Amino acid sequence: MRVIPGYVVEVTLAKTIINEPKEVIMNGLTAPLNMQVHYISFSAHADFAQTSTFLKELMPPNIIPVHGEANEMGRLKQKLITQFAYRNTNYFPKELSVG
């Protein structure tokens, strides 16, 4: 399952996926879309308390921020690791990171 929070730009893969097509085209290759899609209205500009509450309820196995200033995302990563140290969660896994 993938959760796509908040606003998505019209010409992006995220916007395409929200419409739940049977397949998607990426880099000229066609791939089947074999997943459930759950869109959650969630502000990309939530503060740490809102974000951590959301993550506590969702309990995702991977957390991959894809937007923000590098130092701030590093601070966010450290706070999340401290708060959720008891969970087996991957933060910013390199094989999944964007950019």
PDB file of N, CA and C in Angstrom:
ATOM      1  N   MET A   1       0.843  -1.163   0.000  1.00  0.00           N
ATOM      2  CA  MET A   1       0.000   0.000   0.000  1.00  0.00           C
ATOM      3  C   MET A   1       0.893   1.232   0.000  1.00  0.00           C
ATOM      4  N   ARG A   2       0.475   2.230  -0.740  1.00  0.00           N
ATOM      5  CA  ARG A   2       1.151   3.524  -0.742  1.00  0.00           C
ATOM      6  C   ARG A   2       0.151   4.557  -0.264  1.00  0.00           C
ATOM      7  N   VAL A   3       0.601   5.465   0.564  1.00  0.00           N
ATOM      8  CA  VAL A   3      -0.237   6.563   1.010  1.00  0.00           C
ATOM      9  C   VAL A   3       0.296   7.823   0.362  1.00  0.00           C
ATOM     10  N   ILE A   4      -0.558   8.524  -0.344  1.00  0.00           N
ATOM     11  CA  ILE A   4      -0.169   9.767  -0.997  1.00  0.00           C
ATOM     12  C   ILE A   4      -0.875  10.891  -0.256  1.00  0.00           C
ATOM     13  N   PRO A   5      -0.133  11.615   0.589  1.00  0.00           N
ATOM     14  CA  PRO A   5      -0.782  12.646   1.389  1.00  0.00           C
ATOM     15  C   PRO A   5      -0.810  14.002   0.709  1.00  0.00           C
ATOM     16  N   GLY A   6      -1.873  14.726   0.941  1.00  0.00           N
ATOM     17  CA  GLY A   6      -1.949  16.118   0.538  1.00  0.00           C
ATOM     18  C   GLY A   6      -2.105  16.350  -0.950  1.00  0.00           C
ATOM     19  N   TYR A   7      -1.667  17.485  -1.382  1.00  0.00           N
ATOM     20  CA  TYR A   7      -1.815  17.957  -2.756  1.00  0.00           C
ATOM     21  C   TYR A   7      -0.828  17.272  -3.685  1.00  0.00           C
ATOM     22  N   VAL A   8      -1.271  16.920  -4.879  1.00  0.00           N
ATOM     23  CA  VAL A   8      -0.364  16.383  -5.894  1.00  0.00           C
ATOM     24  C   VAL A   8      -0.510  17.190  -7.178  1.00  0.00           C
ATOM     25  N   VAL A   9       0.594  17.417  -7.852  1.00  0.00           N
ATOM     26  CA  VAL A   9       0.628  18.201  -9.082  1.00  0.00           C
ATOM     27  C   VAL A   9       0.045  17.372 -10.221  1.00  0.00           C
ATOM     28  N   GLU A  10      -0.678  18.031 -11.115  1.00  0.00           N
ATOM     29  CA  GLU A  10      -1.393  17.369 -12.210  1.00  0.00           C
ATOM     30  C   GLU A  10      -0.542  16.428 -13.069  1.00  0.00           C
ATOM     31  N   VAL A  11       0.652  16.806 -13.436  1.00  0.00           N
ATOM     32  CA  VAL A  11       1.420  16.022 -14.407  1.00  0.00           C
ATOM     33  C   VAL A  11       2.440  15.084 -13.747  1.00  0.00           C
ATOM     34  N   THR A  12       2.136  14.603 -12.549  1.00  0.00           N
ATOM     35  CA  THR A  12       3.070  13.742 -11.833  1.00  0.00           C
ATOM     36  C   THR A  12       2.564  12.313 -11.769  1.00  0.00           C
ATOM     37  N   LEU A  13       3.472  11.392 -11.459  1.00  0.00           N
ATOM     38  CA  LEU A  13       3.113   9.996 -11.286  1.00  0.00           C
ATOM     39  C   LEU A  13       2.115   9.840 -10.140  1.00  0.00           C
ATOM     40  N   ALA A  14       2.286  10.615  -9.072  1.00  0.00           N
ATOM     41  CA  ALA A  14       1.358  10.545  -7.936  1.00  0.00           C
ATOM     42  C   ALA A  14      -0.067  10.851  -8.379  1.00  0.00           C
ATOM     43  N   LYS A  15      -0.246  11.875  -9.201  1.00  0.00           N
ATOM     44  CA  LYS A  15      -1.585  12.244  -9.688  1.00  0.00           C
ATOM     45  C   LYS A  15      -2.161  11.125 -10.550  1.00  0.00           C
ATOM     46  N   THR A  16      -1.329  10.519 -11.372  1.00  0.00           N
ATOM     47  CA  THR A  16      -1.780   9.401 -12.201  1.00  0.00           C
ATOM     48  C   THR A  16      -2.232   8.243 -11.320  1.00  0.00           C
ATOM     49  N   ILE A  17      -1.439   7.909 -10.317  1.00  0.00           N
ATOM     50  CA  ILE A  17      -1.728   6.769  -9.441  1.00  0.00           C
ATOM     51  C   ILE A  17      -3.025   6.981  -8.659  1.00  0.00           C
ATOM     52  N   ILE A  18      -3.303   8.211  -8.239  1.00  0.00           N
ATOM     53  CA  ILE A  18      -4.531   8.494  -7.493  1.00  0.00           C
ATOM     54  C   ILE A  18      -5.770   8.073  -8.290  1.00  0.00           C
ATOM     55  N   ASN A  19      -5.690   8.174  -9.606  1.00  0.00           N
ATOM     56  CA  ASN A  19      -6.819   7.799 -10.458  1.00  0.00           C
ATOM     57  C   ASN A  19      -6.936   6.285 -10.650  1.00  0.00           C
ATOM     58  N   GLU A  20      -6.027   5.508 -10.063  1.00  0.00           N
ATOM     59  CA  GLU A  20      -6.023   4.042 -10.061  1.00  0.00           C
ATOM     60  C   GLU A  20      -6.144   3.397 -11.452  1.00  0.00           C
ATOM     61  N   PRO A  21      -5.228   3.746 -12.359  1.00  0.00           N
ATOM     62  CA  PRO A  21      -5.243   3.075 -13.657  1.00  0.00           C
ATOM     63  C   PRO A  21      -4.756   1.629 -13.510  1.00  0.00           C
ATOM     64  N   LYS A  22      -5.026   0.792 -14.492  1.00  0.00           N
ATOM     65  CA  LYS A  22      -4.553  -0.595 -14.453  1.00  0.00           C
ATOM     66  C   LYS A  22      -3.043  -0.668 -14.662  1.00  0.00           C
ATOM     67  N   GLU A  23      -2.498   0.334 -15.364  1.00  0.00           N
ATOM     68  CA  GLU A  23      -1.048   0.386 -15.591  1.00  0.00           C
ATOM     69  C   GLU A  23      -0.588   1.834 -15.658  1.00  0.00           C
ATOM     70  N   VAL A  24       0.717   2.043 -15.457  1.00  0.00           N
ATOM     71  CA  VAL A  24       1.308   3.378 -15.539  1.00  0.00           C
ATOM     72  C   VAL A  24       2.505   3.323 -16.485  1.00  0.00           C
ATOM     73  N   ILE A  25       2.831   4.472 -17.038  1.00  0.00           N
ATOM     74  CA  ILE A  25       3.995   4.577 -17.926  1.00  0.00           C
ATOM     75  C   ILE A  25       5.040   5.431 -17.223  1.00  0.00           C
ATOM     76  N   MET A  26       6.247   4.845 -17.044  1.00  0.00           N
ATOM     77  CA  MET A  26       7.355   5.548 -16.402  1.00  0.00           C
ATOM     78  C   MET A  26       8.588   5.381 -17.275  1.00  0.00           C
ATOM     79  N   ASN A  27       9.208   6.485 -17.635  1.00  0.00           N
ATOM     80  CA  ASN A  27      10.425   6.456 -18.457  1.00  0.00           C
ATOM     81  C   ASN A  27      10.228   5.630 -19.714  1.00  0.00           C
ATOM     82  N   GLY A  28       9.042   5.733 -20.313  1.00  0.00           N
ATOM     83  CA  GLY A  28       8.757   5.021 -21.552  1.00  0.00           C
ATOM     84  C   GLY A  28       8.388   3.561 -21.374  1.00  0.00           C
ATOM     85  N   LEU A  29       8.403   3.055 -20.151  1.00  0.00           N
ATOM     86  CA  LEU A  29       8.054   1.659 -19.885  1.00  0.00           C
ATOM     87  C   LEU A  29       6.673   1.583 -19.249  1.00  0.00           C
ATOM     88  N   THR A  30       5.901   0.601 -19.663  1.00  0.00           N
ATOM     89  CA  THR A  30       4.571   0.387 -19.100  1.00  0.00           C
ATOM     90  C   THR A  30       4.668  -0.654 -17.996  1.00  0.00           C
ATOM     91  N   ALA A  31       4.081  -0.332 -16.839  1.00  0.00           N
ATOM     92  CA  ALA A  31       4.117  -1.242 -15.696  1.00  0.00           C
ATOM     93  C   ALA A  31       2.708  -1.381 -15.123  1.00  0.00           C
ATOM     94  N   PRO A  32       2.339  -2.603 -14.723  1.00  0.00           N
ATOM     95  CA  PRO A  32       1.024  -2.762 -14.101  1.00  0.00           C
ATOM     96  C   PRO A  32       0.990  -2.066 -12.741  1.00  0.00           C
ATOM     97  N   LEU A  33      -0.156  -1.544 -12.377  1.00  0.00           N
ATOM     98  CA  LEU A  33      -0.319  -0.907 -11.078  1.00  0.00           C
ATOM     99  C   LEU A  33      -0.992  -1.925 -10.164  1.00  0.00           C
ATOM    100  N   ASN A  34      -0.181  -2.641  -9.421  1.00  0.00           N
ATOM    101  CA  ASN A  34      -0.671  -3.702  -8.542  1.00  0.00           C
ATOM    102  C   ASN A  34      -0.642  -3.246  -7.092  1.00  0.00           C
ATOM    103  N   MET A  35      -1.471  -2.258  -6.766  1.00  0.00           N
ATOM    104  CA  MET A  35      -1.525  -1.779  -5.388  1.00  0.00           C
ATOM    105  C   MET A  35      -2.853  -1.097  -5.143  1.00  0.00           C
ATOM    106  N   GLN A  36      -3.194  -1.038  -3.870  1.00  0.00           N
ATOM    107  CA  GLN A  36      -4.336  -0.235  -3.464  1.00  0.00           C
ATOM    108  C   GLN A  36      -3.847   1.184  -3.252  1.00  0.00           C
ATOM    109  N   VAL A  37      -4.693   2.138  -3.541  1.00  0.00           N
ATOM    110  CA  VAL A  37      -4.327   3.528  -3.365  1.00  0.00           C
ATOM    111  C   VAL A  37      -5.294   4.158  -2.373  1.00  0.00           C
ATOM    112  N   HIS A  38      -4.743   4.772  -1.344  1.00  0.00           N
ATOM    113  CA  HIS A  38      -5.544   5.479  -0.347  1.00  0.00           C
ATOM    114  C   HIS A  38      -5.052   6.917  -0.307  1.00  0.00           C
ATOM    115  N   TYR A  39      -5.903   7.826  -0.699  1.00  0.00           N
ATOM    116  CA  TYR A  39      -5.547   9.239  -0.664  1.00  0.00           C
ATOM    117  C   TYR A  39      -6.013   9.816   0.654  1.00  0.00           C
ATOM    118  N   ILE A  40      -5.127  10.484   1.370  1.00  0.00           N
ATOM    119  CA  ILE A  40      -5.456  11.087   2.654  1.00  0.00           C
ATOM    120  C   ILE A  40      -5.200  12.577   2.551  1.00  0.00           C
ATOM    121  N   SER A  41      -6.191  13.364   2.891  1.00  0.00           N
ATOM    122  CA  SER A  41      -6.018  14.806   2.909  1.00  0.00           C
ATOM    123  C   SER A  41      -5.123  15.152   4.098  1.00  0.00           C
ATOM    124  N   PHE A  42      -3.905  15.582   3.819  1.00  0.00           N
ATOM    125  CA  PHE A  42      -2.902  15.822   4.859  1.00  0.00           C
ATOM    126  C   PHE A  42      -2.015  16.958   4.402  1.00  0.00           C
ATOM    127  N   SER A  43      -1.853  17.955   5.217  1.00  0.00           N
ATOM    128  CA  SER A  43      -1.061  19.117   4.845  1.00  0.00           C
ATOM    129  C   SER A  43       0.423  18.782   4.796  1.00  0.00           C
ATOM    130  N   ALA A  44       1.060  19.152   3.717  1.00  0.00           N
ATOM    131  CA  ALA A  44       2.506  18.977   3.592  1.00  0.00           C
ATOM    132  C   ALA A  44       3.244  19.940   4.517  1.00  0.00           C
ATOM    133  N   HIS A  45       2.515  20.904   5.069  1.00  0.00           N
ATOM    134  CA  HIS A  45       3.134  21.889   5.944  1.00  0.00           C
ATOM    135  C   HIS A  45       2.727  21.674   7.397  1.00  0.00           C
ATOM    136  N   ALA A  46       2.496  20.427   7.763  1.00  0.00           N
ATOM    137  CA  ALA A  46       2.155  20.101   9.146  1.00  0.00           C
ATOM    138  C   ALA A  46       3.390  20.281  10.016  1.00  0.00           C
ATOM    139  N   ASP A  47       3.158  20.602  11.298  1.00  0.00           N
ATOM    140  CA  ASP A  47       4.289  20.718  12.204  1.00  0.00           C
ATOM    141  C   ASP A  47       4.693  19.324  12.701  1.00  0.00           C
ATOM    142  N   PHE A  48       5.741  19.259  13.522  1.00  0.00           N
ATOM    143  CA  PHE A  48       6.244  17.959  13.967  1.00  0.00           C
ATOM    144  C   PHE A  48       5.202  17.195  14.771  1.00  0.00           C
ATOM    145  N   ALA A  49       4.474  17.880  15.639  1.00  0.00           N
ATOM    146  CA  ALA A  49       3.458  17.203  16.465  1.00  0.00           C
ATOM    147  C   ALA A  49       2.386  16.558  15.586  1.00  0.00           C
ATOM    148  N   GLN A  50       1.916  17.275  14.565  1.00  0.00           N
ATOM    149  CA  GLN A  50       0.901  16.729  13.663  1.00  0.00           C
ATOM    150  C   GLN A  50       1.466  15.562  12.854  1.00  0.00           C
ATOM    151  N   THR A  51       2.671  15.720  12.362  1.00  0.00           N
ATOM    152  CA  THR A  51       3.291  14.672  11.563  1.00  0.00           C
ATOM    153  C   THR A  51       3.532  13.417  12.392  1.00  0.00           C
ATOM    154  N   SER A  52       4.046  13.561  13.606  1.00  0.00           N
ATOM    155  CA  SER A  52       4.341  12.388  14.423  1.00  0.00           C
ATOM    156  C   SER A  52       3.058  11.682  14.864  1.00  0.00           C
ATOM    157  N   THR A  53       1.990  12.434  15.133  1.00  0.00           N
ATOM    158  CA  THR A  53       0.701  11.817  15.470  1.00  0.00           C
ATOM    159  C   THR A  53       0.192  10.994  14.286  1.00  0.00           C
ATOM    160  N   PHE A  54       0.293  11.566  13.098  1.00  0.00           N
ATOM    161  CA  PHE A  54      -0.110  10.873  11.875  1.00  0.00           C
ATOM    162  C   PHE A  54       0.692   9.581  11.699  1.00  0.00           C
ATOM    163  N   LEU A  55       2.001   9.656  11.873  1.00  0.00           N
ATOM    164  CA  LEU A  55       2.859   8.483  11.701  1.00  0.00           C
ATOM    165  C   LEU A  55       2.611   7.430  12.783  1.00  0.00           C
ATOM    166  N   LYS A  56       2.302   7.868  13.987  1.00  0.00           N
ATOM    167  CA  LYS A  56       2.006   6.951  15.090  1.00  0.00           C
ATOM    168  C   LYS A  56       0.784   6.091  14.751  1.00  0.00           C
ATOM    169  N   GLU A  57      -0.208   6.715  14.131  1.00  0.00           N
ATOM    170  CA  GLU A  57      -1.423   5.982  13.769  1.00  0.00           C
ATOM    171  C   GLU A  57      -1.222   5.114  12.535  1.00  0.00           C
ATOM    172  N   LEU A  58      -0.497   5.618  11.562  1.00  0.00           N
ATOM    173  CA  LEU A  58      -0.300   4.892  10.311  1.00  0.00           C
ATOM    174  C   LEU A  58       0.713   3.755  10.442  1.00  0.00           C
ATOM    175  N   MET A  59       1.766   3.958  11.240  1.00  0.00           N
ATOM    176  CA  MET A  59       2.848   2.994  11.460  1.00  0.00           C
ATOM    177  C   MET A  59       3.444   2.445  10.146  1.00  0.00           C
ATOM    178  N   PRO A  60       3.933   3.314   9.276  1.00  0.00           N
ATOM    179  CA  PRO A  60       4.497   2.844   8.007  1.00  0.00           C
ATOM    180  C   PRO A  60       5.858   2.166   8.199  1.00  0.00           C
ATOM    181  N   PRO A  61       6.196   1.181   7.359  1.00  0.00           N
ATOM    182  CA  PRO A  61       7.500   0.528   7.471  1.00  0.00           C
ATOM    183  C   PRO A  61       8.640   1.406   6.937  1.00  0.00           C
ATOM    184  N   ASN A  62       8.317   2.368   6.077  1.00  0.00           N
ATOM    185  CA  ASN A  62       9.306   3.284   5.510  1.00  0.00           C
ATOM    186  C   ASN A  62       8.768   4.703   5.591  1.00  0.00           C
ATOM    187  N   ILE A  63       9.648   5.631   5.907  1.00  0.00           N
ATOM    188  CA  ILE A  63       9.293   7.048   5.911  1.00  0.00           C
ATOM    189  C   ILE A  63      10.260   7.743   4.972  1.00  0.00           C
ATOM    190  N   ILE A  64       9.734   8.348   3.905  1.00  0.00           N
ATOM    191  CA  ILE A  64      10.580   8.942   2.880  1.00  0.00           C
ATOM    192  C   ILE A  64      10.107  10.356   2.560  1.00  0.00           C
ATOM    193  N   PRO A  65      10.609  11.362   3.266  1.00  0.00           N
ATOM    194  CA  PRO A  65      10.255  12.736   2.887  1.00  0.00           C
ATOM    195  C   PRO A  65      10.878  13.050   1.530  1.00  0.00           C
ATOM    196  N   VAL A  66      10.125  13.723   0.688  1.00  0.00           N
ATOM    197  CA  VAL A  66      10.633  14.024  -0.650  1.00  0.00           C
ATOM    198  C   VAL A  66      10.684  15.519  -0.946  1.00  0.00           C
ATOM    199  N   HIS A  67      10.450  16.329   0.071  1.00  0.00           N
ATOM    200  CA  HIS A  67      10.446  17.767  -0.147  1.00  0.00           C
ATOM    201  C   HIS A  67      10.917  18.469   1.126  1.00  0.00           C
ATOM    202  N   GLY A  68      11.865  19.347   0.971  1.00  0.00           N
ATOM    203  CA  GLY A  68      12.327  20.118   2.118  1.00  0.00           C
ATOM    204  C   GLY A  68      13.804  20.394   2.057  1.00  0.00           C
ATOM    205  N   GLU A  69      14.233  21.329   2.875  1.00  0.00           N
ATOM    206  CA  GLU A  69      15.638  21.710   2.954  1.00  0.00           C
ATOM    207  C   GLU A  69      16.407  20.599   3.659  1.00  0.00           C
ATOM    208  N   ALA A  70      17.588  20.266   3.161  1.00  0.00           N
ATOM    209  CA  ALA A  70      18.351  19.103   3.628  1.00  0.00           C
ATOM    210  C   ALA A  70      18.591  19.109   5.140  1.00  0.00           C
ATOM    211  N   ASN A  71      18.999  20.243   5.706  1.00  0.00           N
ATOM    212  CA  ASN A  71      19.254  20.294   7.153  1.00  0.00           C
ATOM    213  C   ASN A  71      17.989  20.041   7.965  1.00  0.00           C
ATOM    214  N   GLU A  72      16.877  20.616   7.523  1.00  0.00           N
ATOM    215  CA  GLU A  72      15.607  20.424   8.230  1.00  0.00           C
ATOM    216  C   GLU A  72      15.127  18.980   8.124  1.00  0.00           C
ATOM    217  N   MET A  73      15.319  18.365   6.968  1.00  0.00           N
ATOM    218  CA  MET A  73      14.930  16.961   6.819  1.00  0.00           C
ATOM    219  C   MET A  73      15.818  16.075   7.687  1.00  0.00           C
ATOM    220  N   GLY A  74      17.088  16.438   7.858  1.00  0.00           N
ATOM    221  CA  GLY A  74      17.980  15.703   8.755  1.00  0.00           C
ATOM    222  C   GLY A  74      17.523  15.819  10.202  1.00  0.00           C
ATOM    223  N   ARG A  75      17.097  17.018  10.599  1.00  0.00           N
ATOM    224  CA  ARG A  75      16.570  17.213  11.960  1.00  0.00           C
ATOM    225  C   ARG A  75      15.295  16.404  12.160  1.00  0.00           C
ATOM    226  N   LEU A  76      14.423  16.399  11.153  1.00  0.00           N
ATOM    227  CA  LEU A  76      13.190  15.616  11.222  1.00  0.00           C
ATOM    228  C   LEU A  76      13.513  14.136  11.385  1.00  0.00           C
ATOM    229  N   LYS A  77      14.462  13.654  10.613  1.00  0.00           N
ATOM    230  CA  LYS A  77      14.857  12.243  10.698  1.00  0.00           C
ATOM    231  C   LYS A  77      15.304  11.898  12.119  1.00  0.00           C
ATOM    232  N   GLN A  78      16.159  12.721  12.710  1.00  0.00           N
ATOM    233  CA  GLN A  78      16.659  12.454  14.060  1.00  0.00           C
ATOM    234  C   GLN A  78      15.534  12.459  15.099  1.00  0.00           C
ATOM    235  N   LYS A  79      14.614  13.396  14.986  1.00  0.00           N
ATOM    236  CA  LYS A  79      13.491  13.450  15.926  1.00  0.00           C
ATOM    237  C   LYS A  79      12.601  12.217  15.777  1.00  0.00           C
ATOM    238  N   LEU A  80      12.363  11.793  14.540  1.00  0.00           N
ATOM    239  CA  LEU A  80      11.530  10.606  14.323  1.00  0.00           C
ATOM    240  C   LEU A  80      12.204   9.350  14.855  1.00  0.00           C
ATOM    241  N   ILE A  81      13.499   9.235  14.638  1.00  0.00           N
ATOM    242  CA  ILE A  81      14.244   8.072  15.154  1.00  0.00           C
ATOM    243  C   ILE A  81      14.151   8.040  16.674  1.00  0.00           C
ATOM    244  N   THR A  82      14.303   9.189  17.313  1.00  0.00           N
ATOM    245  CA  THR A  82      14.215   9.255  18.774  1.00  0.00           C
ATOM    246  C   THR A  82      12.813   8.874  19.252  1.00  0.00           C
ATOM    247  N   GLN A  83      11.805   9.421  18.617  1.00  0.00           N
ATOM    248  CA  GLN A  83      10.432   9.176  19.050  1.00  0.00           C
ATOM    249  C   GLN A  83       9.966   7.749  18.775  1.00  0.00           C
ATOM    250  N   PHE A  84      10.390   7.179  17.668  1.00  0.00           N
ATOM    251  CA  PHE A  84       9.907   5.860  17.277  1.00  0.00           C
ATOM    252  C   PHE A  84      11.006   4.802  17.333  1.00  0.00           C
ATOM    253  N   ALA A  85      11.932   4.928  18.267  1.00  0.00           N
ATOM    254  CA  ALA A  85      13.070   4.014  18.368  1.00  0.00           C
ATOM    255  C   ALA A  85      12.643   2.566  18.585  1.00  0.00           C
ATOM    256  N   TYR A  86      11.482   2.359  19.185  1.00  0.00           N
ATOM    257  CA  TYR A  86      11.001   1.005  19.482  1.00  0.00           C
ATOM    258  C   TYR A  86      10.467   0.286  18.244  1.00  0.00           C
ATOM    259  N   ARG A  87      10.252   1.018  17.156  1.00  0.00           N
ATOM    260  CA  ARG A  87       9.688   0.417  15.944  1.00  0.00           C
ATOM    261  C   ARG A  87      10.772   0.061  14.948  1.00  0.00           C
ATOM    262  N   ASN A  88      10.490  -0.915  14.127  1.00  0.00           N
ATOM    263  CA  ASN A  88      11.406  -1.316  13.063  1.00  0.00           C
ATOM    264  C   ASN A  88      11.041  -0.555  11.792  1.00  0.00           C
ATOM    265  N   THR A  89      11.393   0.726  11.760  1.00  0.00           N
ATOM    266  CA  THR A  89      11.042   1.588  10.640  1.00  0.00           C
ATOM    267  C   THR A  89      12.308   2.028   9.928  1.00  0.00           C
ATOM    268  N   ASN A  90      12.268   2.038   8.603  1.00  0.00           N
ATOM    269  CA  ASN A  90      13.385   2.537   7.803  1.00  0.00           C
ATOM    270  C   ASN A  90      13.149   4.014   7.519  1.00  0.00           C
ATOM    271  N   TYR A  91      14.122   4.844   7.852  1.00  0.00           N
ATOM    272  CA  TYR A  91      14.022   6.266   7.606  1.00  0.00           C
ATOM    273  C   TYR A  91      14.920   6.625   6.440  1.00  0.00           C
ATOM    274  N   PHE A  92      14.342   7.184   5.427  1.00  0.00           N
ATOM    275  CA  PHE A  92      15.097   7.627   4.261  1.00  0.00           C
ATOM    276  C   PHE A  92      15.891   6.475   3.639  1.00  0.00           C
ATOM    277  N   PRO A  93      15.286   5.302   3.427  1.00  0.00           N
ATOM    278  CA  PRO A  93      16.073   4.218   2.819  1.00  0.00           C
ATOM    279  C   PRO A  93      16.601   4.638   1.453  1.00  0.00           C
ATOM    280  N   LYS A  94      17.884   4.479   1.257  1.00  0.00           N
ATOM    281  CA  LYS A  94      18.532   4.973   0.032  1.00  0.00           C
ATOM    282  C   LYS A  94      17.930   4.385  -1.230  1.00  0.00           C
ATOM    283  N   GLU A  95      17.575   3.097  -1.194  1.00  0.00           N
ATOM    284  CA  GLU A  95      17.051   2.488  -2.411  1.00  0.00           C
ATOM    285  C   GLU A  95      15.681   3.015  -2.783  1.00  0.00           C
ATOM    286  N   LEU A  96      15.002   3.745  -1.873  1.00  0.00           N
ATOM    287  CA  LEU A  96      13.691   4.283  -2.155  1.00  0.00           C
ATOM    288  C   LEU A  96      13.674   5.798  -2.252  1.00  0.00           C
ATOM    289  N   SER A  97      14.776   6.455  -1.934  1.00  0.00           N
ATOM    290  CA  SER A  97      14.788   7.913  -1.864  1.00  0.00           C
ATOM    291  C   SER A  97      14.635   8.547  -3.221  1.00  0.00           C
ATOM    292  N   VAL A  98      14.011   9.715  -3.216  1.00  0.00           N
ATOM    293  CA  VAL A  98      13.836  10.497  -4.426  1.00  0.00           C
ATOM    294  C   VAL A  98      14.880  11.589  -4.430  1.00  0.00           C
ATOM    295  N   GLY A  99      15.549  11.758  -5.556  1.00  0.00           N
ATOM    296  CA  GLY A  99      16.492  12.870  -5.685  1.00  0.00           C
ATOM    297  C   GLY A  99      17.866  12.580  -5.307  1.00  0.00           C
TER     298      GLY A  99
END
